[in-house]
Amino acid sequence: MRPLISAMTSLREVLVAALKSLLRGKSVLQAILAFWVNPSSITAQDAKPKRCTARSLPDFLKEAESLLLGPVDGDGLKEFSAKLKHQFRIGLRSNPACMLPSYNHQLPSGHERGEFLALDVGGSTLRVALVELRGQGAKGQASRIIRLDSFKIDSEVKRLRGTAFFDWMAERILETTSKGGKQGRAPEDPLLMGMAWSFPIDQTSSKGGKLSGMGKGFLAAEGLVGDDLGGIIEEACRRKGLFVELSAIVNDSSATLLSEAYLTRSTRFGLILGTGVNIAAHLPVPTIGQAKYGERPEAWHAKASHVIVNTELGMFGKGVLPLTRWDHLLLESHARPDFQPLEHLVSGYYVGEVCRIALVEAIKSTGVFGGVVPPSLTSTYSLDTETLSLIEAHDDLDAARKIFASRHPSPVEPTSTDIAALRTLSSHIARRSASIVAASIFALWELKMEAEADLLNTLPAESPFIAETQAEINIAQTTVAYNGSVIEHYPGYLAITKKYIDDLVSWSGRNKGESIELIAARESSILGAAVALACLE
């Protein structure tokens, strides 16, 4: 008798909800079907806690842990790293879209000195700085930013077309340099400048490259695609009466590597992990396919035994990444699902979205959060990684609950149990991200060590590169410089990444005493641009 009463009650609830929907303009059949299939589709004023019994919350979280972390437990992470290393090798030899060799073949000695003008051109900010490098033996800091001005690149600036955008840049450069009396130099004595450029470029020299489409809403490349970026900026400055020579262009990951290499001689990798992900790697020149070097002068090859490579890490992983059903749902609505497979599982832009998709499923199937999806979470990318970071940072569940409720209000107030479940889910997703980043770093490190040994074995006895290559092999502690909001600020992320890396190094069976260390590179874009310029000097 009790099941019959329960069924009648449920039917009565469906009919009541259907009647309310009918008054809002739906047909009876539409309203009943909509409510029956998706109870959370009723309006906030009709919402009441609905405890589904399809499955228990502990069962859901247990499955989530298995799906997200099972593939990277134990030997799984070793196997995944080996598959990534195989893809890296293929990319190094033939893929024109990734593993791109820069013109930076010389790492800093740490003794470079001088004042340098540095630019950092990002997606939302232009920064212009005067940087002083004082050398590692100097008293106090080895490097310092004497002056730094930041200029917001808002939507209006992004809409500047072609040369208008670079004229805007030139005005900002003039504004900064004029404060120190640096402007007004003669054409024969230009102001030397280095730049970190966070957009695609087909680099043709240390100081220039062909401008590509910039994306991110920028119209600056209109009419200029294929033109030399260095020349565009120098000409824009000349129109403002400022004579500059843009002598070094680097991307953000290369700048991170160079900035820390100036301070820590064992730095060989630069990791960016925030909204996106990328790694720069210092590798032997023969590791990269010859065609990728383009038409470089023989003088460059005569001096270069190694080169900094922009891996474009996010583009790897297709076919080997441990995808869950939530990842597949993310990709179904993605405009370019195959473009950056690895980035979809690790970067700050996507971690929150994977969590949102899984959380919505949990709400509908377990009754957590009262069985009601907060209205804001019905929109894609509405649960950002910053929110998850703040929730995981609070040991006080009530404080974390208030943060979530303020950002994602719901007709049903979340409980501490609800927030604890969200924290568990987000921690699994963040841990998976850290494991994949660790596997990527280890795969590149192991590839580098193997490539160094191969190079040493093939060099002729009279080669000037023998000592340098042997020194690379003898590095006991390799440093990875890092920068970015996820690895810097997500609670526990750095420590988890380091633990995975240590396990992989230990499992590798390589020489005892070898290690990979992670060091934060502060103001890496600005300092890296200055160091790149100093290396040329």
Protein backbone atom coordinates (compact mmCIF):
# COMPACT_ATOMS: atom_id res chain seq x y z
CA MET A 1 0.00 0.00 0.00
CA ARG A 2 2.85 2.42 0.86
CA PRO A 3 4.41 2.29 -2.66
CA LEU A 4 1.01 3.06 -4.16
CA ILE A 5 0.59 6.10 -1.90
CA SER A 6 4.10 7.27 -2.77
CA ALA A 7 3.45 6.90 -6.49
CA MET A 8 0.17 8.83 -6.20
CA THR A 9 1.95 11.60 -4.32
CA SER A 10 4.64 11.85 -7.01
CA LEU A 11 2.02 11.93 -9.73
CA ARG A 12 0.13 14.67 -7.89
CA GLU A 13 3.37 16.72 -7.66
CA VAL A 14 3.95 16.28 -11.38
CA LEU A 15 0.40 17.40 -12.21
CA VAL A 16 0.64 20.44 -9.94
CA ALA A 17 3.92 21.48 -11.55
CA ALA A 18 2.43 20.84 -14.99
CA LEU A 19 -0.57 23.04 -14.19
CA LYS A 20 1.72 25.89 -13.11
CA SER A 21 3.71 25.51 -16.33
CA LEU A 22 0.46 25.46 -18.32
CA LEU A 23 -0.41 28.86 -16.88
CA ARG A 24 2.95 30.08 -18.18
CA GLY A 25 2.04 29.08 -21.72
CA LYS A 26 3.11 25.46 -22.13
CA SER A 27 0.88 22.64 -23.26
CA VAL A 28 -0.06 20.06 -20.60
CA LEU A 29 1.94 17.36 -22.38
CA GLN A 30 5.01 19.60 -22.73
CA ALA A 31 4.85 20.60 -19.09
CA ILE A 32 4.46 17.05 -17.80
CA LEU A 33 7.28 15.73 -19.99
CA ALA A 34 9.60 18.61 -19.11
CA PHE A 35 9.05 18.16 -15.41
CA TRP A 36 9.19 14.37 -15.54
CA VAL A 37 12.47 14.30 -17.49
CA ASN A 38 14.14 17.27 -15.78
CA PRO A 39 12.61 18.30 -12.44
CA SER A 40 15.18 21.07 -12.02
CA SER A 41 13.70 22.89 -15.02
CA ILE A 42 10.89 24.39 -12.95
CA THR A 43 11.31 27.97 -11.85
CA ALA A 44 12.96 28.98 -8.62
CA GLN A 45 9.65 29.83 -6.97
CA ASP A 46 8.42 26.28 -7.57
CA ALA A 47 11.66 24.61 -6.49
CA LYS A 48 11.72 22.45 -3.41
CA PRO A 49 14.36 20.02 -2.18
CA LYS A 50 14.09 16.81 -4.19
CA ARG A 51 16.06 13.88 -2.86
CA CYS A 52 16.57 11.50 -5.78
CA THR A 53 17.34 7.89 -4.94
CA ALA A 54 18.89 6.85 -8.27
CA ARG A 55 22.21 6.40 -6.48
CA SER A 56 23.90 7.47 -3.27
CA LEU A 57 26.31 10.37 -3.04
CA PRO A 58 29.15 8.19 -1.65
CA ASP A 59 28.74 5.86 -4.64
CA PHE A 60 28.94 8.80 -7.07
CA LEU A 61 32.08 10.22 -5.42
CA LYS A 62 33.69 6.80 -5.35
CA GLU A 63 33.06 6.40 -9.07
CA ALA A 64 34.36 9.91 -9.74
CA GLU A 65 37.60 9.09 -7.93
CA SER A 66 37.95 5.90 -9.95
CA LEU A 67 37.30 7.60 -13.29
CA LEU A 68 39.49 10.64 -12.65
CA LEU A 69 42.40 9.16 -10.71
CA GLY A 70 42.30 5.44 -11.48
CA PRO A 71 44.09 5.81 -14.83
CA VAL A 72 46.98 7.77 -13.26
CA ASP A 73 47.50 5.58 -10.20
CA GLY A 74 50.55 3.34 -9.96
CA ASP A 75 51.91 2.17 -13.31
CA GLY A 76 49.18 4.09 -15.12
CA LEU A 77 51.04 7.41 -14.82
CA LYS A 78 54.31 5.83 -16.01
CA GLU A 79 52.59 4.37 -19.05
CA PHE A 80 50.84 7.63 -19.83
CA SER A 81 54.12 9.56 -19.55
CA ALA A 82 55.82 7.11 -21.93
CA LYS A 83 53.03 7.60 -24.48
CA LEU A 84 53.38 11.37 -24.18
CA LYS A 85 57.14 11.11 -24.71
CA HIS A 86 56.49 9.15 -27.92
CA GLN A 87 54.14 11.91 -29.12
CA PHE A 88 56.72 14.55 -28.20
CA ARG A 89 59.33 12.80 -30.37
CA ILE A 90 56.98 12.71 -33.34
CA GLY A 91 56.11 16.38 -32.82
CA LEU A 92 59.78 17.33 -32.64
CA ARG A 93 60.55 15.69 -35.95
CA SER A 94 57.63 16.64 -38.15
CA ASN A 95 54.66 18.54 -36.72
CA PRO A 96 54.80 22.17 -37.95
CA ALA A 97 52.26 23.37 -35.35
CA CYS A 98 54.15 22.39 -32.17
CA MET A 99 57.67 21.84 -30.82
CA LEU A 100 58.79 25.12 -32.38
CA PRO A 101 62.49 26.03 -32.04
CA SER A 102 63.10 29.63 -31.04
CA TYR A 103 66.20 31.65 -31.90
CA ASN A 104 67.31 31.56 -28.26
CA HIS A 105 70.22 29.12 -28.23
CA GLN A 106 72.15 30.74 -25.41
CA LEU A 107 71.15 30.52 -21.76
CA PRO A 108 72.24 33.40 -19.50
CA SER A 109 75.45 33.10 -17.54
CA GLY A 110 73.96 35.06 -14.66
CA HIS A 111 76.62 37.75 -15.03
CA GLU A 112 74.86 39.87 -17.66
CA ARG A 113 74.50 43.48 -16.55
CA GLY A 114 72.79 46.61 -17.73
CA GLU A 115 69.47 48.43 -18.03
CA PHE A 116 66.99 47.14 -20.58
CA LEU A 117 63.58 48.16 -21.85
CA ALA A 118 61.15 45.23 -21.75
CA LEU A 119 57.59 44.79 -23.03
CA ASP A 120 55.03 42.20 -22.02
CA VAL A 121 52.12 42.05 -24.47
CA GLY A 122 49.32 39.84 -23.15
CA GLY A 123 45.67 39.27 -23.83
CA SER A 124 44.44 41.94 -21.42
CA THR A 125 47.46 44.04 -20.45
CA LEU A 126 50.45 45.79 -21.99
CA ARG A 127 53.31 46.25 -19.55
CA VAL A 128 56.33 48.43 -20.23
CA ALA A 129 59.29 48.23 -17.87
CA LEU A 130 62.83 49.39 -17.36
CA VAL A 131 64.77 46.43 -15.94
CA GLU A 132 68.18 46.40 -14.33
CA LEU A 133 70.26 43.23 -14.38
CA ARG A 134 73.05 43.39 -11.82
CA GLY A 135 74.50 39.88 -11.96
CA GLN A 136 74.45 37.04 -9.46
CA GLY A 137 77.44 38.40 -7.58
CA ALA A 138 75.85 41.77 -6.92
CA LYS A 139 74.84 42.82 -3.43
CA GLY A 140 71.08 42.61 -2.95
CA GLN A 141 68.90 41.44 -5.81
CA ALA A 142 70.48 40.17 -9.01
CA SER A 143 67.68 41.81 -10.99
CA ARG A 144 65.12 44.48 -10.30
CA ILE A 145 62.37 46.36 -12.08
CA ILE A 146 63.24 50.04 -11.92
CA ARG A 147 59.96 51.19 -13.37
CA LEU A 148 56.86 49.37 -14.55
CA ASP A 149 53.71 50.77 -16.14
CA SER A 150 50.68 48.62 -16.90
CA PHE A 151 48.07 49.57 -19.48
CA LYS A 152 44.77 47.77 -19.76
CA ILE A 153 43.94 46.35 -23.18
CA ASP A 154 40.17 46.74 -23.06
CA SER A 155 37.64 45.89 -25.77
CA GLU A 156 38.06 49.31 -27.36
CA VAL A 157 41.82 48.83 -27.73
CA LYS A 158 41.32 45.31 -29.06
CA ARG A 159 39.13 46.74 -31.82
CA LEU A 160 41.94 48.99 -33.09
CA ARG A 161 42.73 47.74 -36.58
CA GLY A 162 46.18 47.15 -38.02
CA THR A 163 48.71 49.91 -37.43
CA ALA A 164 46.27 51.77 -35.12
CA PHE A 165 46.88 49.16 -32.41
CA PHE A 166 50.67 49.43 -32.74
CA ASP A 167 50.44 53.23 -32.68
CA TRP A 168 48.60 52.84 -29.36
CA MET A 169 51.43 50.59 -28.15
CA ALA A 170 54.05 53.13 -29.25
CA GLU A 171 52.30 55.90 -27.30
CA ARG A 172 52.39 53.76 -24.15
CA ILE A 173 56.09 52.96 -24.65
CA LEU A 174 56.83 56.66 -25.11
CA GLU A 175 54.80 57.46 -21.99
CA THR A 176 56.95 55.13 -19.89
CA THR A 177 60.36 55.92 -21.36
CA SER A 178 59.80 59.68 -21.15
CA LYS A 179 59.67 59.47 -17.35
CA GLY A 180 63.33 58.57 -17.22
CA GLY A 181 64.54 60.74 -20.02
CA LYS A 182 64.97 57.70 -22.25
CA GLN A 183 63.11 59.07 -25.24
CA GLY A 184 64.51 61.32 -27.97
CA ARG A 185 67.55 59.23 -28.87
CA ALA A 186 68.95 59.68 -32.35
CA PRO A 187 68.20 57.11 -35.09
CA GLU A 188 71.82 55.93 -34.97
CA ASP A 189 71.56 55.29 -31.20
CA PRO A 190 68.20 53.51 -30.71
CA LEU A 191 66.83 52.27 -27.41
CA LEU A 192 67.26 48.49 -27.25
CA MET A 193 64.11 46.59 -26.37
CA GLY A 194 63.05 43.01 -25.62
CA MET A 195 59.47 41.73 -25.78
CA ALA A 196 57.41 38.84 -24.48
CA TRP A 197 54.67 38.31 -27.09
CA SER A 198 51.76 36.08 -26.02
CA PHE A 199 50.35 35.50 -29.51
CA PRO A 200 51.24 33.30 -32.50
CA ILE A 201 54.24 34.36 -34.55
CA ASP A 202 56.30 32.65 -37.23
CA GLN A 203 59.68 33.70 -35.85
CA THR A 204 62.34 34.36 -38.48
CA SER A 205 65.11 35.77 -36.27
CA SER A 206 65.79 36.60 -32.63
CA LYS A 207 64.30 40.04 -33.23
CA GLY A 208 61.48 39.42 -35.66
CA GLY A 209 58.90 37.16 -37.12
CA LYS A 210 55.86 37.10 -39.36
CA LEU A 211 52.73 38.39 -37.63
CA SER A 212 49.86 35.89 -37.48
CA GLY A 213 46.21 36.30 -36.52
CA MET A 214 46.10 37.20 -32.84
CA GLY A 215 42.71 35.84 -31.79
CA LYS A 216 41.14 36.79 -28.41
CA GLY A 217 39.15 39.57 -30.07
CA PHE A 218 42.17 41.50 -31.41
CA LEU A 219 41.96 43.20 -34.82
CA ALA A 220 45.59 44.37 -34.83
CA ALA A 221 46.71 41.86 -37.45
CA GLU A 222 44.26 43.14 -40.08
CA GLY A 223 46.25 44.03 -43.20
CA LEU A 224 49.53 43.10 -41.49
CA VAL A 225 49.52 39.28 -41.46
CA GLY A 226 52.88 38.08 -42.73
CA ASP A 227 54.64 41.40 -42.04
CA ASP A 228 57.63 41.47 -39.70
CA LEU A 229 56.47 42.14 -36.14
CA GLY A 230 59.70 43.82 -35.08
CA GLY A 231 59.55 46.18 -38.03
CA ILE A 232 55.89 47.02 -37.35
CA ILE A 233 56.64 48.05 -33.76
CA GLU A 234 59.83 49.94 -34.60
CA GLU A 235 58.05 51.92 -37.33
CA ALA A 236 55.14 52.74 -34.99
CA CYS A 237 57.63 54.11 -32.45
CA ARG A 238 59.39 56.17 -35.12
CA ARG A 239 56.07 57.78 -36.01
CA LYS A 240 55.96 58.96 -32.38
CA GLY A 241 59.51 60.29 -32.50
CA LEU A 242 60.93 57.37 -30.50
CA PHE A 243 63.78 55.33 -31.95
CA VAL A 244 63.88 51.74 -30.69
CA GLU A 245 65.44 48.50 -31.84
CA LEU A 246 63.41 45.43 -30.95
CA SER A 247 66.25 42.94 -30.60
CA ALA A 248 64.60 40.00 -28.82
CA ILE A 249 61.15 38.45 -29.04
CA VAL A 250 60.18 35.51 -26.81
CA ASN A 251 56.92 33.80 -25.89
CA ASP A 252 55.73 33.62 -22.28
CA SER A 253 57.00 30.11 -21.52
CA SER A 254 60.46 30.89 -22.95
CA ALA A 255 60.53 34.12 -20.93
CA THR A 256 59.76 32.12 -17.78
CA LEU A 257 62.65 29.76 -18.49
CA LEU A 258 65.09 32.59 -19.22
CA SER A 259 64.10 34.71 -16.23
CA GLU A 260 64.83 31.93 -13.76
CA ALA A 261 67.90 30.67 -15.64
CA TYR A 262 69.47 34.05 -14.90
CA LEU A 263 69.14 33.31 -11.18
CA THR A 264 69.28 29.49 -11.10
CA ARG A 265 71.82 27.99 -13.50
CA SER A 266 70.13 24.56 -13.63
CA THR A 267 66.86 25.89 -15.13
CA ARG A 268 66.00 24.02 -18.33
CA PHE A 269 62.19 24.23 -18.51
CA GLY A 270 59.60 26.99 -18.20
CA LEU A 271 56.01 26.08 -17.28
CA ILE A 272 52.98 28.32 -17.71
CA LEU A 273 49.85 26.99 -15.98
CA GLY A 274 46.98 29.39 -15.53
CA THR A 275 44.09 29.91 -17.91
CA GLY A 276 46.14 27.90 -20.42
CA VAL A 277 49.17 25.64 -20.26
CA ASN A 278 52.52 25.50 -22.04
CA ILE A 279 56.14 24.44 -21.48
CA ALA A 280 59.38 25.73 -22.97
CA ALA A 281 62.23 23.21 -23.06
CA HIS A 282 65.99 23.54 -23.57
CA LEU A 283 66.88 20.71 -25.99
CA PRO A 284 69.75 19.65 -28.26
CA VAL A 285 69.47 21.13 -31.76
CA PRO A 286 69.51 17.74 -33.58
CA THR A 287 66.42 16.64 -31.64
CA ILE A 288 64.28 18.92 -33.81
CA GLY A 289 63.56 18.15 -37.46
CA GLN A 290 65.77 20.18 -39.77
CA ALA A 291 62.83 21.61 -41.72
CA LYS A 292 61.58 23.35 -38.59
CA TYR A 293 64.59 25.66 -38.52
CA GLY A 294 63.64 27.23 -41.82
CA GLU A 295 66.28 29.34 -43.57
CA ARG A 296 68.50 30.24 -40.65
CA PRO A 297 72.01 31.52 -41.35
CA GLU A 298 74.88 29.08 -41.03
CA ALA A 299 76.32 31.35 -38.36
CA TRP A 300 73.40 30.48 -36.07
CA HIS A 301 73.90 26.73 -36.50
CA ALA A 302 77.65 27.11 -35.99
CA LYS A 303 77.04 28.56 -32.52
CA ALA A 304 73.96 26.58 -31.43
CA SER A 305 74.26 23.17 -29.79
CA HIS A 306 70.94 23.64 -27.95
CA VAL A 307 67.81 25.70 -28.47
CA ILE A 308 64.77 26.74 -26.43
CA VAL A 309 61.70 25.01 -27.85
CA ASN A 310 58.10 26.17 -27.51
CA THR A 311 56.37 22.81 -27.07
CA GLU A 312 52.76 24.05 -27.37
CA LEU A 313 52.07 21.37 -24.77
CA GLY A 314 48.29 21.71 -24.88
CA MET A 315 48.19 20.27 -28.40
CA PHE A 316 49.41 16.83 -27.28
CA GLY A 317 47.63 13.86 -25.74
CA LYS A 318 45.13 12.88 -28.41
CA GLY A 319 44.26 9.21 -28.08
CA VAL A 320 46.18 8.67 -24.83
CA LEU A 321 44.50 11.01 -22.33
CA PRO A 322 42.31 9.42 -19.63
CA LEU A 323 38.95 10.91 -20.71
CA THR A 324 35.79 10.53 -18.63
CA ARG A 325 32.18 10.94 -19.75
CA TRP A 326 32.34 14.50 -18.38
CA ASP A 327 35.31 15.29 -20.62
CA HIS A 328 33.41 13.93 -23.60
CA LEU A 329 30.45 16.20 -22.75
CA LEU A 330 32.80 19.19 -22.60
CA LEU A 331 34.22 18.32 -26.01
CA GLU A 332 30.77 17.88 -27.57
CA SER A 333 30.09 21.59 -27.14
CA HIS A 334 33.65 22.78 -27.86
CA ALA A 335 34.31 24.70 -31.08
CA ARG A 336 37.70 22.98 -31.60
CA PRO A 337 37.60 19.71 -29.64
CA ASP A 338 40.77 18.27 -31.21
CA PHE A 339 42.96 21.37 -31.13
CA GLN A 340 44.33 21.25 -27.56
CA PRO A 341 43.43 17.87 -26.02
CA LEU A 342 45.82 18.06 -23.07
CA GLU A 343 44.86 21.62 -22.17
CA HIS A 344 41.22 20.55 -21.81
CA LEU A 345 42.18 18.33 -18.85
CA VAL A 346 44.64 20.55 -17.01
CA SER A 347 44.24 24.32 -17.46
CA GLY A 348 42.33 26.75 -15.32
CA TYR A 349 39.92 27.53 -18.14
CA TYR A 350 38.64 23.94 -18.22
CA VAL A 351 39.05 22.51 -14.69
CA GLY A 352 35.99 24.41 -13.46
CA GLU A 353 33.91 23.37 -16.47
CA VAL A 354 34.65 19.65 -16.01
CA CYS A 355 33.65 20.05 -12.36
CA ARG A 356 30.44 21.85 -13.32
CA ILE A 357 29.40 19.07 -15.70
CA ALA A 358 30.10 16.37 -13.09
CA LEU A 359 28.36 18.37 -10.34
CA VAL A 360 25.20 18.82 -12.39
CA GLU A 361 25.08 15.05 -12.90
CA ALA A 362 25.58 14.49 -9.17
CA ILE A 363 22.77 16.89 -8.29
CA LYS A 364 20.35 15.16 -10.64
CA SER A 365 21.30 11.61 -9.72
CA THR A 366 22.01 11.76 -5.98
CA GLY A 367 19.92 14.64 -4.66
CA VAL A 368 22.94 16.57 -3.39
CA PHE A 369 22.27 20.34 -3.23
CA GLY A 370 18.64 19.47 -2.61
CA GLY A 371 18.35 17.94 -6.07
CA VAL A 372 18.13 21.46 -7.55
CA VAL A 373 20.77 22.73 -9.98
CA PRO A 374 21.59 26.38 -9.17
CA PRO A 375 20.31 28.39 -12.17
CA SER A 376 23.74 29.82 -12.97
CA LEU A 377 25.24 26.34 -13.34
CA THR A 378 23.02 25.57 -16.32
CA SER A 379 25.34 27.79 -18.40
CA THR A 380 28.63 26.44 -19.71
CA TYR A 381 31.84 27.66 -18.07
CA SER A 382 29.87 29.30 -15.25
CA LEU A 383 31.77 27.47 -12.48
CA ASP A 384 35.24 28.92 -12.67
CA THR A 385 38.40 27.41 -11.25
CA GLU A 386 38.90 30.41 -8.98
CA THR A 387 35.68 29.53 -7.12
CA LEU A 388 36.85 25.95 -6.63
CA SER A 389 40.21 27.23 -5.42
CA LEU A 390 38.57 29.47 -2.81
CA ILE A 391 36.32 26.64 -1.62
CA GLU A 392 39.23 24.23 -1.27
CA ALA A 393 41.27 26.88 0.55
CA HIS A 394 38.75 27.06 3.44
CA ASP A 395 38.87 24.38 6.12
CA ASP A 396 35.70 25.98 7.49
CA LEU A 397 32.92 24.40 5.45
CA ASP A 398 30.46 27.10 6.46
CA ALA A 399 32.75 29.81 5.06
CA ALA A 400 33.16 27.80 1.88
CA ARG A 401 29.39 27.34 1.70
CA LYS A 402 28.86 31.10 1.84
CA ILE A 403 31.38 31.65 -0.99
CA PHE A 404 29.59 29.18 -3.23
CA ALA A 405 26.12 30.49 -2.35
CA SER A 406 27.15 34.08 -3.08
CA ARG A 407 28.43 33.13 -6.53
CA HIS A 408 25.79 30.56 -7.40
CA PRO A 409 22.56 31.35 -5.52
CA SER A 410 19.87 28.68 -5.50
CA PRO A 411 16.30 28.32 -4.21
CA VAL A 412 17.72 25.59 -1.98
CA GLU A 413 20.49 26.72 0.36
CA PRO A 414 23.52 24.39 0.15
CA THR A 415 24.51 22.50 3.25
CA SER A 416 27.97 21.80 4.60
CA THR A 417 27.56 18.23 3.32
CA ASP A 418 26.88 19.57 -0.17
CA ILE A 419 30.03 21.70 -0.08
CA ALA A 420 32.10 18.83 1.26
CA ALA A 421 30.95 16.76 -1.72
CA LEU A 422 31.88 19.56 -4.13
CA ARG A 423 35.30 19.88 -2.54
CA THR A 424 35.91 16.17 -2.90
CA LEU A 425 34.90 16.26 -6.56
CA SER A 426 37.00 19.34 -7.36
CA SER A 427 40.03 17.92 -5.55
CA HIS A 428 39.90 14.79 -7.73
CA ILE A 429 39.77 16.93 -10.88
CA ALA A 430 42.63 19.18 -9.72
CA ARG A 431 44.72 16.15 -8.74
CA ARG A 432 44.20 14.62 -12.18
CA SER A 433 45.35 17.91 -13.71
CA ALA A 434 48.48 17.91 -11.54
CA SER A 435 49.29 14.31 -12.46
CA ILE A 436 49.09 15.06 -16.20
CA VAL A 437 51.29 18.15 -15.82
CA ALA A 438 53.79 16.09 -13.82
CA ALA A 439 53.80 13.36 -16.47
CA SER A 440 54.41 16.00 -19.16
CA ILE A 441 57.37 17.50 -17.30
CA PHE A 442 58.87 14.10 -16.61
CA ALA A 443 58.43 12.97 -20.23
CA LEU A 444 60.21 16.09 -21.50
CA TRP A 445 62.98 15.73 -18.91
CA GLU A 446 63.55 12.07 -19.79
CA LEU A 447 63.47 12.91 -23.51
CA LYS A 448 66.08 15.64 -22.93
CA MET A 449 68.38 13.29 -21.00
CA GLU A 450 68.16 10.67 -23.74
CA ALA A 451 68.71 13.28 -26.45
CA GLU A 452 71.82 14.62 -24.65
CA ALA A 453 73.32 11.12 -24.53
CA ASP A 454 72.54 10.58 -28.22
CA LEU A 455 74.13 13.90 -29.14
CA LEU A 456 77.31 13.17 -27.16
CA ASN A 457 77.68 9.81 -28.88
CA THR A 458 77.42 11.34 -32.35
CA LEU A 459 79.61 14.44 -31.95
CA PRO A 460 83.02 14.27 -33.65
CA ALA A 461 86.04 14.34 -31.35
CA GLU A 462 86.93 17.90 -32.37
CA SER A 463 83.40 19.31 -31.83
CA PRO A 464 83.22 22.45 -29.66
CA PHE A 465 79.87 21.20 -28.30
CA ILE A 466 81.24 18.19 -26.39
CA ALA A 467 81.93 20.01 -23.11
CA GLU A 468 78.57 21.77 -23.18
CA THR A 469 76.68 18.54 -23.86
CA GLN A 470 78.55 16.67 -21.14
CA ALA A 471 77.69 19.46 -18.71
CA GLU A 472 74.00 19.04 -19.57
CA ILE A 473 74.21 15.31 -18.86
CA ASN A 474 75.90 15.97 -15.51
CA ILE A 475 73.13 18.23 -14.17
CA ALA A 476 71.91 16.45 -11.06
CA GLN A 477 69.06 18.81 -10.19
CA THR A 478 67.04 20.15 -13.12
CA THR A 479 64.95 23.23 -12.39
CA VAL A 480 61.51 23.93 -13.86
CA ALA A 481 60.55 27.60 -13.56
CA TYR A 482 56.80 28.06 -13.25
CA ASN A 483 54.26 30.84 -13.48
CA GLY A 484 50.47 30.98 -13.58
CA SER A 485 47.42 31.20 -11.35
CA VAL A 486 46.67 27.47 -11.09
CA ILE A 487 50.10 26.21 -10.05
CA GLU A 488 50.75 29.29 -7.91
CA HIS A 489 47.42 29.61 -6.09
CA TYR A 490 45.28 26.46 -6.27
CA PRO A 491 45.51 24.87 -2.79
CA GLY A 492 47.92 21.94 -2.70
CA TYR A 493 48.43 21.87 -6.47
CA LEU A 494 52.16 22.56 -6.44
CA ALA A 495 52.88 19.98 -3.73
CA ILE A 496 50.81 17.32 -5.52
CA THR A 497 52.59 18.00 -8.81
CA LYS A 498 55.98 17.74 -7.11
CA LYS A 499 55.01 14.42 -5.46
CA TYR A 500 53.96 12.93 -8.80
CA ILE A 501 57.22 14.11 -10.40
CA ASP A 502 59.31 12.64 -7.56
CA ASP A 503 57.51 9.30 -7.93
CA LEU A 504 58.12 9.24 -11.68
CA VAL A 505 61.83 10.04 -11.28
CA SER A 506 62.12 7.34 -8.63
CA TRP A 507 60.32 4.79 -10.80
CA SER A 508 62.49 5.65 -13.82
CA GLY A 509 65.52 3.91 -12.37
CA ARG A 510 67.84 6.68 -13.57
CA ASN A 511 70.95 7.73 -11.69
CA LYS A 512 70.39 8.19 -7.99
CA GLY A 513 70.58 11.80 -6.90
CA GLU A 514 68.86 13.15 -10.00
CA SER A 515 65.83 15.31 -9.29
CA ILE A 516 63.45 17.81 -10.82
CA GLU A 517 62.74 20.94 -8.78
CA LEU A 518 59.96 23.49 -9.27
CA ILE A 519 60.73 27.17 -8.63
CA ALA A 520 58.37 30.13 -8.98
CA ALA A 521 59.49 32.70 -11.56
CA ARG A 522 58.13 36.08 -10.49
CA GLU A 523 57.49 38.74 -13.13
CA SER A 524 58.85 36.21 -15.59
CA SER A 525 57.57 37.82 -18.80
CA ILE A 526 59.20 41.18 -18.10
CA LEU A 527 62.44 39.80 -16.68
CA GLY A 528 62.63 37.08 -19.34
CA ALA A 529 62.35 39.62 -22.14
CA ALA A 530 65.18 41.63 -20.57
CA VAL A 531 67.36 38.53 -20.10
CA ALA A 532 66.79 37.46 -23.71
CA LEU A 533 68.00 40.88 -24.79
CA ALA A 534 70.97 40.73 -22.43
CA CYS A 535 72.05 37.35 -23.82
CA LEU A 536 72.29 38.90 -27.28
CA GLU A 537 74.28 41.81 -25.90
